[in-house]
Amino acid sequence: MSVFVYQSFQLKQDNFVEALKNLRMIQNFRNENYQHKVELLSPISGDDHTYAFLSTYEGLAEMELQNKKMFEDEEYKKLIEQFFLEDIVQGSMHTQLFRTVTGLKSDSSEKKK
């Protein structure tokens, strides 16, 4: 069962160009080196400076394993350190976890009975 992690955050305006560059580096690093997919989302509506990562894992255990590997990786820690200390507004990160809904019977199979 897939797990989706949606993390929204506000970028600091005084470092906007560097912040976007670092976000792309984080996205590329994670996609190339770990077993999950990361998308960087930019706002179309709502708060102009609120961006988000959408990460897709193959399950909760896989998410835990990949996170453990990332935070043991010195190169990744340098990227994420800049992200937390220099690129985003402190206290603006909001994380939500979602999973796919499985095991439900479709309406058409109920009507056949």
PDB file of N, CA and C in Angstrom:
ATOM      1  N   MET A   1       0.844  -1.167   0.000  1.00  0.00           N
ATOM      2  CA  MET A   1       0.000   0.000   0.000  1.00  0.00           C
ATOM      3  C   MET A   1       0.898   1.241   0.000  1.00  0.00           C
ATOM      4  N   SER A   2       0.704   2.108  -0.963  1.00  0.00           N
ATOM      5  CA  SER A   2       1.519   3.310  -1.075  1.00  0.00           C
ATOM      6  C   SER A   2       1.227   4.286   0.060  1.00  0.00           C
ATOM      7  N   VAL A   3       2.283   4.994   0.461  1.00  0.00           N
ATOM      8  CA  VAL A   3       2.178   6.049   1.464  1.00  0.00           C
ATOM      9  C   VAL A   3       2.650   7.336   0.811  1.00  0.00           C
ATOM     10  N   PHE A   4       1.868   8.399   0.989  1.00  0.00           N
ATOM     11  CA  PHE A   4       2.203   9.704   0.427  1.00  0.00           C
ATOM     12  C   PHE A   4       2.479  10.660   1.577  1.00  0.00           C
ATOM     13  N   VAL A   5       3.597  11.357   1.496  1.00  0.00           N
ATOM     14  CA  VAL A   5       3.952  12.339   2.517  1.00  0.00           C
ATOM     15  C   VAL A   5       3.913  13.710   1.860  1.00  0.00           C
ATOM     16  N   TYR A   6       3.031  14.550   2.360  1.00  0.00           N
ATOM     17  CA  TYR A   6       2.850  15.907   1.842  1.00  0.00           C
ATOM     18  C   TYR A   6       3.408  16.868   2.876  1.00  0.00           C
ATOM     19  N   GLN A   7       4.468  17.596   2.508  1.00  0.00           N
ATOM     20  CA  GLN A   7       5.106  18.535   3.420  1.00  0.00           C
ATOM     21  C   GLN A   7       5.077  19.927   2.803  1.00  0.00           C
ATOM     22  N   SER A   8       4.297  20.818   3.383  1.00  0.00           N
ATOM     23  CA  SER A   8       4.233  22.193   2.888  1.00  0.00           C
ATOM     24  C   SER A   8       5.070  23.084   3.804  1.00  0.00           C
ATOM     25  N   PHE A   9       5.592  24.169   3.228  1.00  0.00           N
ATOM     26  CA  PHE A   9       6.464  25.078   3.965  1.00  0.00           C
ATOM     27  C   PHE A   9       6.517  26.404   3.229  1.00  0.00           C
ATOM     28  N   GLN A  10       6.877  27.459   3.950  1.00  0.00           N
ATOM     29  CA  GLN A  10       7.026  28.779   3.353  1.00  0.00           C
ATOM     30  C   GLN A  10       8.497  29.082   3.138  1.00  0.00           C
ATOM     31  N   LEU A  11       8.817  29.585   1.947  1.00  0.00           N
ATOM     32  CA  LEU A  11      10.191  29.969   1.638  1.00  0.00           C
ATOM     33  C   LEU A  11      10.459  31.387   2.137  1.00  0.00           C
ATOM     34  N   LYS A  12      11.666  31.592   2.656  1.00  0.00           N
ATOM     35  CA  LYS A  12      12.080  32.940   3.033  1.00  0.00           C
ATOM     36  C   LYS A  12      12.280  33.752   1.765  1.00  0.00           C
ATOM     37  N   GLN A  13      11.797  34.983   1.789  1.00  0.00           N
ATOM     38  CA  GLN A  13      11.860  35.816   0.592  1.00  0.00           C
ATOM     39  C   GLN A  13      13.237  36.419   0.340  1.00  0.00           C
ATOM     40  N   ASP A  14      14.015  36.616   1.380  1.00  0.00           N
ATOM     41  CA  ASP A  14      15.335  37.215   1.200  1.00  0.00           C
ATOM     42  C   ASP A  14      16.339  36.255   0.576  1.00  0.00           C
ATOM     43  N   ASN A  15      15.970  34.977   0.478  1.00  0.00           N
ATOM     44  CA  ASN A  15      16.872  33.957  -0.068  1.00  0.00           C
ATOM     45  C   ASN A  15      16.128  33.091  -1.084  1.00  0.00           C
ATOM     46  N   PHE A  16      15.155  33.674  -1.777  1.00  0.00           N
ATOM     47  CA  PHE A  16      14.218  32.912  -2.596  1.00  0.00           C
ATOM     48  C   PHE A  16      14.893  32.101  -3.703  1.00  0.00           C
ATOM     49  N   VAL A  17      15.766  32.707  -4.486  1.00  0.00           N
ATOM     50  CA  VAL A  17      16.403  32.018  -5.609  1.00  0.00           C
ATOM     51  C   VAL A  17      17.287  30.866  -5.112  1.00  0.00           C
ATOM     52  N   GLU A  18      18.063  31.113  -4.089  1.00  0.00           N
ATOM     53  CA  GLU A  18      18.904  30.060  -3.515  1.00  0.00           C
ATOM     54  C   GLU A  18      18.052  28.947  -2.910  1.00  0.00           C
ATOM     55  N   ALA A  19      16.937  29.309  -2.294  1.00  0.00           N
ATOM     56  CA  ALA A  19      16.042  28.316  -1.696  1.00  0.00           C
ATOM     57  C   ALA A  19      15.479  27.387  -2.768  1.00  0.00           C
ATOM     58  N   LEU A  20      15.024  27.955  -3.882  1.00  0.00           N
ATOM     59  CA  LEU A  20      14.494  27.119  -4.972  1.00  0.00           C
ATOM     60  C   LEU A  20      15.570  26.199  -5.536  1.00  0.00           C
ATOM     61  N   LYS A  21      16.771  26.713  -5.681  1.00  0.00           N
ATOM     62  CA  LYS A  21      17.887  25.894  -6.168  1.00  0.00           C
ATOM     63  C   LYS A  21      18.150  24.725  -5.215  1.00  0.00           C
ATOM     64  N   ASN A  22      18.158  25.005  -3.916  1.00  0.00           N
ATOM     65  CA  ASN A  22      18.388  23.956  -2.931  1.00  0.00           C
ATOM     66  C   ASN A  22      17.252  22.937  -2.927  1.00  0.00           C
ATOM     67  N   LEU A  23      16.008  23.394  -3.088  1.00  0.00           N
ATOM     68  CA  LEU A  23      14.881  22.467  -3.136  1.00  0.00           C
ATOM     69  C   LEU A  23      15.018  21.502  -4.308  1.00  0.00           C
ATOM     70  N   ARG A  24      15.432  22.016  -5.461  1.00  0.00           N
ATOM     71  CA  ARG A  24      15.652  21.166  -6.635  1.00  0.00           C
ATOM     72  C   ARG A  24      16.778  20.163  -6.371  1.00  0.00           C
ATOM     73  N   MET A  25      17.829  20.612  -5.696  1.00  0.00           N
ATOM     74  CA  MET A  25      18.940  19.709  -5.377  1.00  0.00           C
ATOM     75  C   MET A  25      18.481  18.595  -4.433  1.00  0.00           C
ATOM     76  N   ILE A  26      17.669  18.947  -3.443  1.00  0.00           N
ATOM     77  CA  ILE A  26      17.125  17.939  -2.517  1.00  0.00           C
ATOM     78  C   ILE A  26      16.261  16.948  -3.281  1.00  0.00           C
ATOM     79  N   GLN A  27      15.369  17.461  -4.128  1.00  0.00           N
ATOM     80  CA  GLN A  27      14.489  16.599  -4.920  1.00  0.00           C
ATOM     81  C   GLN A  27      15.309  15.649  -5.787  1.00  0.00           C
ATOM     82  N   ASN A  28      16.254  16.160  -6.538  1.00  0.00           N
ATOM     83  CA  ASN A  28      17.074  15.321  -7.424  1.00  0.00           C
ATOM     84  C   ASN A  28      17.892  14.308  -6.639  1.00  0.00           C
ATOM     85  N   PHE A  29      18.477  14.732  -5.531  1.00  0.00           N
ATOM     86  CA  PHE A  29      19.292  13.832  -4.715  1.00  0.00           C
ATOM     87  C   PHE A  29      18.456  12.665  -4.198  1.00  0.00           C
ATOM     88  N   ARG A  30      17.284  12.968  -3.686  1.00  0.00           N
ATOM     89  CA  ARG A  30      16.426  11.911  -3.153  1.00  0.00           C
ATOM     90  C   ARG A  30      15.935  10.972  -4.256  1.00  0.00           C
ATOM     91  N   ASN A  31      15.539  11.530  -5.396  1.00  0.00           N
ATOM     92  CA  ASN A  31      15.063  10.691  -6.500  1.00  0.00           C
ATOM     93  C   ASN A  31      16.164   9.800  -7.060  1.00  0.00           C
ATOM     94  N   GLU A  32      17.392  10.259  -7.078  1.00  0.00           N
ATOM     95  CA  GLU A  32      18.501   9.496  -7.641  1.00  0.00           C
ATOM     96  C   GLU A  32      19.109   8.486  -6.668  1.00  0.00           C
ATOM     97  N   ASN A  33      19.008   8.754  -5.365  1.00  0.00           N
ATOM     98  CA  ASN A  33      19.737   7.937  -4.393  1.00  0.00           C
ATOM     99  C   ASN A  33      18.874   7.078  -3.469  1.00  0.00           C
ATOM    100  N   TYR A  34      17.563   7.267  -3.503  1.00  0.00           N
ATOM    101  CA  TYR A  34      16.703   6.532  -2.571  1.00  0.00           C
ATOM    102  C   TYR A  34      15.520   5.922  -3.296  1.00  0.00           C
ATOM    103  N   GLN A  35      14.881   4.971  -2.637  1.00  0.00           N
ATOM    104  CA  GLN A  35      13.794   4.194  -3.233  1.00  0.00           C
ATOM    105  C   GLN A  35      12.432   4.820  -2.966  1.00  0.00           C
ATOM    106  N   HIS A  36      12.284   6.070  -3.345  1.00  0.00           N
ATOM    107  CA  HIS A  36      10.987   6.733  -3.302  1.00  0.00           C
ATOM    108  C   HIS A  36      11.017   7.874  -4.305  1.00  0.00           C
ATOM    109  N   LYS A  37       9.853   8.405  -4.600  1.00  0.00           N
ATOM    110  CA  LYS A  37       9.742   9.482  -5.582  1.00  0.00           C
ATOM    111  C   LYS A  37       9.359  10.769  -4.878  1.00  0.00           C
ATOM    112  N   VAL A  38      10.011  11.873  -5.250  1.00  0.00           N
ATOM    113  CA  VAL A  38       9.742  13.170  -4.648  1.00  0.00           C
ATOM    114  C   VAL A  38       9.377  14.162  -5.747  1.00  0.00           C
ATOM    115  N   GLU A  39       8.269  14.859  -5.549  1.00  0.00           N
ATOM    116  CA  GLU A  39       7.852  15.943  -6.438  1.00  0.00           C
ATOM    117  C   GLU A  39       7.924  17.246  -5.654  1.00  0.00           C
ATOM    118  N   LEU A  40       8.365  18.298  -6.310  1.00  0.00           N
ATOM    119  CA  LEU A  40       8.361  19.630  -5.721  1.00  0.00           C
ATOM    120  C   LEU A  40       7.163  20.370  -6.299  1.00  0.00           C
ATOM    121  N   LEU A  41       6.282  20.850  -5.435  1.00  0.00           N
ATOM    122  CA  LEU A  41       5.051  21.505  -5.867  1.00  0.00           C
ATOM    123  C   LEU A  41       5.139  23.007  -5.606  1.00  0.00           C
ATOM    124  N   SER A  42       4.743  23.799  -6.606  1.00  0.00           N
ATOM    125  CA  SER A  42       4.701  25.252  -6.442  1.00  0.00           C
ATOM    126  C   SER A  42       3.244  25.695  -6.407  1.00  0.00           C
ATOM    127  N   PRO A  43       2.961  26.807  -5.749  1.00  0.00           N
ATOM    128  CA  PRO A  43       1.568  27.235  -5.592  1.00  0.00           C
ATOM    129  C   PRO A  43       0.954  27.768  -6.876  1.00  0.00           C
ATOM    130  N   ILE A  44      -0.286  27.424  -7.105  1.00  0.00           N
ATOM    131  CA  ILE A  44      -1.087  28.011  -8.175  1.00  0.00           C
ATOM    132  C   ILE A  44      -2.104  28.956  -7.544  1.00  0.00           C
ATOM    133  N   SER A  45      -2.619  28.558  -6.396  1.00  0.00           N
ATOM    134  CA  SER A  45      -3.548  29.408  -5.646  1.00  0.00           C
ATOM    135  C   SER A  45      -3.139  29.353  -4.177  1.00  0.00           C
ATOM    136  N   GLY A  46      -3.714  30.200  -3.379  1.00  0.00           N
ATOM    137  CA  GLY A  46      -3.379  30.223  -1.967  1.00  0.00           C
ATOM    138  C   GLY A  46      -2.158  31.093  -1.703  1.00  0.00           C
ATOM    139  N   ASP A  47      -1.446  30.800  -0.639  1.00  0.00           N
ATOM    140  CA  ASP A  47      -0.275  31.579  -0.257  1.00  0.00           C
ATOM    141  C   ASP A  47       0.826  31.459  -1.302  1.00  0.00           C
ATOM    142  N   ASP A  48       1.296  32.604  -1.784  1.00  0.00           N
ATOM    143  CA  ASP A  48       2.278  32.645  -2.863  1.00  0.00           C
ATOM    144  C   ASP A  48       3.602  31.962  -2.539  1.00  0.00           C
ATOM    145  N   HIS A  49       4.028  31.992  -1.321  1.00  0.00           N
ATOM    146  CA  HIS A  49       5.352  31.504  -0.987  1.00  0.00           C
ATOM    147  C   HIS A  49       5.319  30.176  -0.238  1.00  0.00           C
ATOM    148  N   THR A  50       4.210  29.455  -0.352  1.00  0.00           N
ATOM    149  CA  THR A  50       4.093  28.141   0.266  1.00  0.00           C
ATOM    150  C   THR A  50       4.313  27.081  -0.807  1.00  0.00           C
ATOM    151  N   TYR A  51       5.399  26.348  -0.656  1.00  0.00           N
ATOM    152  CA  TYR A  51       5.758  25.268  -1.575  1.00  0.00           C
ATOM    153  C   TYR A  51       5.586  23.950  -0.835  1.00  0.00           C
ATOM    154  N   ALA A  52       5.736  22.835  -1.534  1.00  0.00           N
ATOM    155  CA  ALA A  52       5.540  21.542  -0.885  1.00  0.00           C
ATOM    156  C   ALA A  52       6.361  20.455  -1.568  1.00  0.00           C
ATOM    157  N   PHE A  53       6.713  19.460  -0.781  1.00  0.00           N
ATOM    158  CA  PHE A  53       7.251  18.206  -1.297  1.00  0.00           C
ATOM    159  C   PHE A  53       6.133  17.172  -1.205  1.00  0.00           C
ATOM    160  N   LEU A  54       5.982  16.359  -2.248  1.00  0.00           N
ATOM    161  CA  LEU A  54       5.089  15.210  -2.213  1.00  0.00           C
ATOM    162  C   LEU A  54       5.949  13.989  -2.467  1.00  0.00           C
ATOM    163  N   SER A  55       6.110  13.157  -1.438  1.00  0.00           N
ATOM    164  CA  SER A  55       6.957  11.965  -1.523  1.00  0.00           C
ATOM    165  C   SER A  55       6.077  10.729  -1.525  1.00  0.00           C
ATOM    166  N   THR A  56       6.427   9.766  -2.380  1.00  0.00           N
ATOM    167  CA  THR A  56       5.663   8.527  -2.490  1.00  0.00           C
ATOM    168  C   THR A  56       6.550   7.355  -2.113  1.00  0.00           C
ATOM    169  N   TYR A  57       6.091   6.569  -1.147  1.00  0.00           N
ATOM    170  CA  TYR A  57       6.810   5.387  -0.662  1.00  0.00           C
ATOM    171  C   TYR A  57       5.947   4.156  -0.900  1.00  0.00           C
ATOM    172  N   GLU A  58       6.567   2.996  -0.873  1.00  0.00           N
ATOM    173  CA  GLU A  58       5.838   1.740  -1.082  1.00  0.00           C
ATOM    174  C   GLU A  58       5.191   1.196   0.192  1.00  0.00           C
ATOM    175  N   GLY A  59       5.239   1.935   1.263  1.00  0.00           N
ATOM    176  CA  GLY A  59       4.607   1.527   2.510  1.00  0.00           C
ATOM    177  C   GLY A  59       5.272   2.236   3.678  1.00  0.00           C
ATOM    178  N   LEU A  60       4.679   2.085   4.878  1.00  0.00           N
ATOM    179  CA  LEU A  60       5.222   2.739   6.063  1.00  0.00           C
ATOM    180  C   LEU A  60       6.617   2.243   6.419  1.00  0.00           C
ATOM    181  N   ALA A  61       6.839   0.954   6.318  1.00  0.00           N
ATOM    182  CA  ALA A  61       8.155   0.397   6.643  1.00  0.00           C
ATOM    183  C   ALA A  61       9.213   0.934   5.682  1.00  0.00           C
ATOM    184  N   GLU A  62       8.868   1.023   4.409  1.00  0.00           N
ATOM    185  CA  GLU A  62       9.798   1.562   3.415  1.00  0.00           C
ATOM    186  C   GLU A  62      10.086   3.037   3.693  1.00  0.00           C
ATOM    187  N   MET A  63       9.089   3.775   4.098  1.00  0.00           N
ATOM    188  CA  MET A  63       9.280   5.180   4.443  1.00  0.00           C
ATOM    189  C   MET A  63      10.272   5.314   5.603  1.00  0.00           C
ATOM    190  N   GLU A  64      10.092   4.502   6.620  1.00  0.00           N
ATOM    191  CA  GLU A  64      11.000   4.529   7.773  1.00  0.00           C
ATOM    192  C   GLU A  64      12.421   4.159   7.369  1.00  0.00           C
ATOM    193  N   LEU A  65      12.571   3.135   6.546  1.00  0.00           N
ATOM    194  CA  LEU A  65      13.896   2.697   6.094  1.00  0.00           C
ATOM    195  C   LEU A  65      14.586   3.785   5.270  1.00  0.00           C
ATOM    196  N   GLN A  66      13.861   4.392   4.331  1.00  0.00           N
ATOM    197  CA  GLN A  66      14.443   5.434   3.486  1.00  0.00           C
ATOM    198  C   GLN A  66      14.822   6.664   4.311  1.00  0.00           C
ATOM    199  N   ASN A  67      13.985   7.042   5.268  1.00  0.00           N
ATOM    200  CA  ASN A  67      14.302   8.186   6.127  1.00  0.00           C
ATOM    201  C   ASN A  67      15.542   7.921   6.968  1.00  0.00           C
ATOM    202  N   LYS A  68      15.674   6.704   7.472  1.00  0.00           N
ATOM    203  CA  LYS A  68      16.867   6.341   8.246  1.00  0.00           C
ATOM    204  C   LYS A  68      18.116   6.468   7.382  1.00  0.00           C
ATOM    205  N   LYS A  69      18.057   5.959   6.157  1.00  0.00           N
ATOM    206  CA  LYS A  69      19.197   6.043   5.244  1.00  0.00           C
ATOM    207  C   LYS A  69      19.550   7.492   4.929  1.00  0.00           C
ATOM    208  N   MET A  70      18.520   8.326   4.672  1.00  0.00           N
ATOM    209  CA  MET A  70      18.771   9.726   4.321  1.00  0.00           C
ATOM    210  C   MET A  70      19.477  10.465   5.451  1.00  0.00           C
ATOM    211  N   PHE A  71      19.036  10.261   6.678  1.00  0.00           N
ATOM    212  CA  PHE A  71      19.605  11.020   7.786  1.00  0.00           C
ATOM    213  C   PHE A  71      20.908  10.427   8.303  1.00  0.00           C
ATOM    214  N   GLU A  72      21.365   9.349   7.701  1.00  0.00           N
ATOM    215  CA  GLU A  72      22.715   8.832   7.947  1.00  0.00           C
ATOM    216  C   GLU A  72      23.679   9.269   6.839  1.00  0.00           C
ATOM    217  N   ASP A  73      23.166   9.894   5.797  1.00  0.00           N
ATOM    218  CA  ASP A  73      23.940  10.312   4.624  1.00  0.00           C
ATOM    219  C   ASP A  73      24.435  11.748   4.837  1.00  0.00           C
ATOM    220  N   GLU A  74      25.762  11.930   4.920  1.00  0.00           N
ATOM    221  CA  GLU A  74      26.342  13.244   5.194  1.00  0.00           C
ATOM    222  C   GLU A  74      26.011  14.265   4.106  1.00  0.00           C
ATOM    223  N   GLU A  75      26.002  13.863   2.844  1.00  0.00           N
ATOM    224  CA  GLU A  75      25.700  14.783   1.750  1.00  0.00           C
ATOM    225  C   GLU A  75      24.249  15.275   1.839  1.00  0.00           C
ATOM    226  N   TYR A  76      23.341  14.353   2.144  1.00  0.00           N
ATOM    227  CA  TYR A  76      21.942  14.743   2.285  1.00  0.00           C
ATOM    228  C   TYR A  76      21.759  15.660   3.497  1.00  0.00           C
ATOM    229  N   LYS A  77      22.444  15.367   4.579  1.00  0.00           N
ATOM    230  CA  LYS A  77      22.312  16.195   5.781  1.00  0.00           C
ATOM    231  C   LYS A  77      22.755  17.630   5.521  1.00  0.00           C
ATOM    232  N   LYS A  78      23.745  17.834   4.670  1.00  0.00           N
ATOM    233  CA  LYS A  78      24.170  19.198   4.331  1.00  0.00           C
ATOM    234  C   LYS A  78      23.064  19.936   3.568  1.00  0.00           C
ATOM    235  N   LEU A  79      22.434  19.235   2.612  1.00  0.00           N
ATOM    236  CA  LEU A  79      21.334  19.845   1.852  1.00  0.00           C
ATOM    237  C   LEU A  79      20.155  20.191   2.748  1.00  0.00           C
ATOM    238  N   ILE A  80      19.788  19.272   3.602  1.00  0.00           N
ATOM    239  CA  ILE A  80      18.602  19.465   4.434  1.00  0.00           C
ATOM    240  C   ILE A  80      18.873  20.479   5.545  1.00  0.00           C
ATOM    241  N   GLU A  81      20.122  20.579   5.991  1.00  0.00           N
ATOM    242  CA  GLU A  81      20.483  21.575   6.997  1.00  0.00           C
ATOM    243  C   GLU A  81      20.258  22.984   6.445  1.00  0.00           C
ATOM    244  N   GLN A  82      20.714  23.228   5.229  1.00  0.00           N
ATOM    245  CA  GLN A  82      20.486  24.532   4.608  1.00  0.00           C
ATOM    246  C   GLN A  82      18.987  24.793   4.474  1.00  0.00           C
ATOM    247  N   PHE A  83      18.243  23.769   4.067  1.00  0.00           N
ATOM    248  CA  PHE A  83      16.800  23.882   3.902  1.00  0.00           C
ATOM    249  C   PHE A  83      16.140  24.358   5.188  1.00  0.00           C
ATOM    250  N   PHE A  84      16.433  23.697   6.309  1.00  0.00           N
ATOM    251  CA  PHE A  84      15.795  24.035   7.579  1.00  0.00           C
ATOM    252  C   PHE A  84      16.303  25.337   8.184  1.00  0.00           C
ATOM    253  N   LEU A  85      17.601  25.616   8.066  1.00  0.00           N
ATOM    254  CA  LEU A  85      18.171  26.780   8.734  1.00  0.00           C
ATOM    255  C   LEU A  85      18.134  28.065   7.910  1.00  0.00           C
ATOM    256  N   GLU A  86      18.176  27.954   6.581  1.00  0.00           N
ATOM    257  CA  GLU A  86      18.316  29.151   5.762  1.00  0.00           C
ATOM    258  C   GLU A  86      17.177  29.378   4.773  1.00  0.00           C
ATOM    259  N   ASP A  87      16.486  28.332   4.335  1.00  0.00           N
ATOM    260  CA  ASP A  87      15.553  28.461   3.219  1.00  0.00           C
ATOM    261  C   ASP A  87      14.091  28.630   3.598  1.00  0.00           C
ATOM    262  N   ILE A  88      13.665  28.076   4.729  1.00  0.00           N
ATOM    263  CA  ILE A  88      12.228  28.135   5.061  1.00  0.00           C
ATOM    264  C   ILE A  88      11.990  28.946   6.328  1.00  0.00           C
ATOM    265  N   VAL A  89      10.784  29.449   6.425  1.00  0.00           N
ATOM    266  CA  VAL A  89      10.359  30.203   7.601  1.00  0.00           C
ATOM    267  C   VAL A  89      10.197  29.213   8.749  1.00  0.00           C
ATOM    268  N   GLN A  90      10.864  29.500   9.865  1.00  0.00           N
ATOM    269  CA  GLN A  90      10.797  28.608  11.020  1.00  0.00           C
ATOM    270  C   GLN A  90       9.354  28.428  11.473  1.00  0.00           C
ATOM    271  N   GLY A  91       8.983  27.184  11.699  1.00  0.00           N
ATOM    272  CA  GLY A  91       7.637  26.862  12.168  1.00  0.00           C
ATOM    273  C   GLY A  91       6.599  26.750  11.061  1.00  0.00           C
ATOM    274  N   SER A  92       7.019  26.906   9.801  1.00  0.00           N
ATOM    275  CA  SER A  92       6.032  26.880   8.710  1.00  0.00           C
ATOM    276  C   SER A  92       5.821  25.499   8.108  1.00  0.00           C
ATOM    277  N   MET A  93       6.654  24.517   8.452  1.00  0.00           N
ATOM    278  CA  MET A  93       6.507  23.193   7.846  1.00  0.00           C
ATOM    279  C   MET A  93       5.331  22.443   8.468  1.00  0.00           C
ATOM    280  N   HIS A  94       4.515  21.901   7.587  1.00  0.00           N
ATOM    281  CA  HIS A  94       3.359  21.100   8.002  1.00  0.00           C
ATOM    282  C   HIS A  94       3.425  19.782   7.232  1.00  0.00           C
ATOM    283  N   THR A  95       3.420  18.658   7.947  1.00  0.00           N
ATOM    284  CA  THR A  95       3.552  17.345   7.318  1.00  0.00           C
ATOM    285  C   THR A  95       2.280  16.539   7.525  1.00  0.00           C
ATOM    286  N   GLN A  96       1.806  15.940   6.427  1.00  0.00           N
ATOM    287  CA  GLN A  96       0.647  15.046   6.475  1.00  0.00           C
ATOM    288  C   GLN A  96       1.025  13.746   5.780  1.00  0.00           C
ATOM    289  N   LEU A  97       0.572  12.617   6.321  1.00  0.00           N
ATOM    290  CA  LEU A  97       0.765  11.316   5.700  1.00  0.00           C
ATOM    291  C   LEU A  97      -0.582  10.801   5.219  1.00  0.00           C
ATOM    292  N   PHE A  98      -0.578  10.233   4.014  1.00  0.00           N
ATOM    293  CA  PHE A  98      -1.778   9.654   3.416  1.00  0.00           C
ATOM    294  C   PHE A  98      -1.452   8.258   2.915  1.00  0.00           C
ATOM    295  N   ARG A  99      -2.449   7.421   2.804  1.00  0.00           N
ATOM    296  CA  ARG A  99      -2.286   6.109   2.176  1.00  0.00           C
ATOM    297  C   ARG A  99      -3.444   5.885   1.227  1.00  0.00           C
ATOM    298  N   THR A 100      -3.248   4.963   0.318  1.00  0.00           N
ATOM    299  CA  THR A 100      -4.313   4.651  -0.611  1.00  0.00           C
ATOM    300  C   THR A 100      -5.389   3.843   0.110  1.00  0.00           C
ATOM    301  N   VAL A 101      -6.603   3.974  -0.353  1.00  0.00           N
ATOM    302  CA  VAL A 101      -7.725   3.221   0.210  1.00  0.00           C
ATOM    303  C   VAL A 101      -7.825   1.915  -0.571  1.00  0.00           C
ATOM    304  N   THR A 102      -7.746   0.804   0.137  1.00  0.00           N
ATOM    305  CA  THR A 102      -7.811  -0.502  -0.516  1.00  0.00           C
ATOM    306  C   THR A 102      -8.851  -1.380   0.165  1.00  0.00           C
ATOM    307  N   GLY A 103      -9.217  -2.444  -0.511  1.00  0.00           N
ATOM    308  CA  GLY A 103     -10.092  -3.441   0.078  1.00  0.00           C
ATOM    309  C   GLY A 103     -11.570  -3.111   0.035  1.00  0.00           C
ATOM    310  N   LEU A 104     -11.950  -2.068  -0.666  1.00  0.00           N
ATOM    311  CA  LEU A 104     -13.369  -1.737  -0.763  1.00  0.00           C
ATOM    312  C   LEU A 104     -13.977  -2.388  -1.987  1.00  0.00           C
ATOM    313  N   LYS A 105     -15.176  -2.923  -1.835  1.00  0.00           N
ATOM    314  CA  LYS A 105     -15.863  -3.512  -2.980  1.00  0.00           C
ATOM    315  C   LYS A 105     -16.419  -2.390  -3.825  1.00  0.00           C
ATOM    316  N   SER A 106     -16.386  -2.581  -5.114  1.00  0.00           N
ATOM    317  CA  SER A 106     -16.944  -1.567  -6.013  1.00  0.00           C
ATOM    318  C   SER A 106     -18.471  -1.654  -6.000  1.00  0.00           C
ATOM    319  N   ASP A 107     -19.119  -0.580  -6.350  1.00  0.00           N
ATOM    320  CA  ASP A 107     -20.586  -0.555  -6.399  1.00  0.00           C
ATOM    321  C   ASP A 107     -21.130  -1.544  -7.412  1.00  0.00           C
ATOM    322  N   SER A 108     -20.402  -1.757  -8.521  1.00  0.00           N
ATOM    323  CA  SER A 108     -20.901  -2.643  -9.559  1.00  0.00           C
ATOM    324  C   SER A 108     -20.960  -4.106  -9.099  1.00  0.00           C
ATOM    325  N   SER A 109     -20.020  -4.510  -8.226  1.00  0.00           N
ATOM    326  CA  SER A 109     -20.066  -5.895  -7.760  1.00  0.00           C
ATOM    327  C   SER A 109     -21.219  -6.091  -6.764  1.00  0.00           C
ATOM    328  N   GLU A 110     -21.603  -5.047  -6.057  1.00  0.00           N
ATOM    329  CA  GLU A 110     -22.728  -5.125  -5.126  1.00  0.00           C
ATOM    330  C   GLU A 110     -24.042  -5.248  -5.905  1.00  0.00           C
ATOM    331  N   LYS A 111     -24.161  -4.558  -7.033  1.00  0.00           N
ATOM    332  CA  LYS A 111     -25.390  -4.576  -7.810  1.00  0.00           C
ATOM    333  C   LYS A 111     -25.635  -5.916  -8.486  1.00  0.00           C
ATOM    334  N   LYS A 112     -24.569  -6.669  -8.767  1.00  0.00           N
ATOM    335  CA  LYS A 112     -24.704  -7.963  -9.447  1.00  0.00           C
ATOM    336  C   LYS A 112     -25.344  -9.012  -8.571  1.00  0.00           C
ATOM    337  N   LYS A 113     -25.269  -8.854  -7.273  1.00  0.00           N
ATOM    338  CA  LYS A 113     -25.775  -9.883  -6.351  1.00  0.00           C
ATOM    339  C   LYS A 113     -27.249  -9.876  -6.243  1.00  0.00           C
TER     340      LYS A 113
END
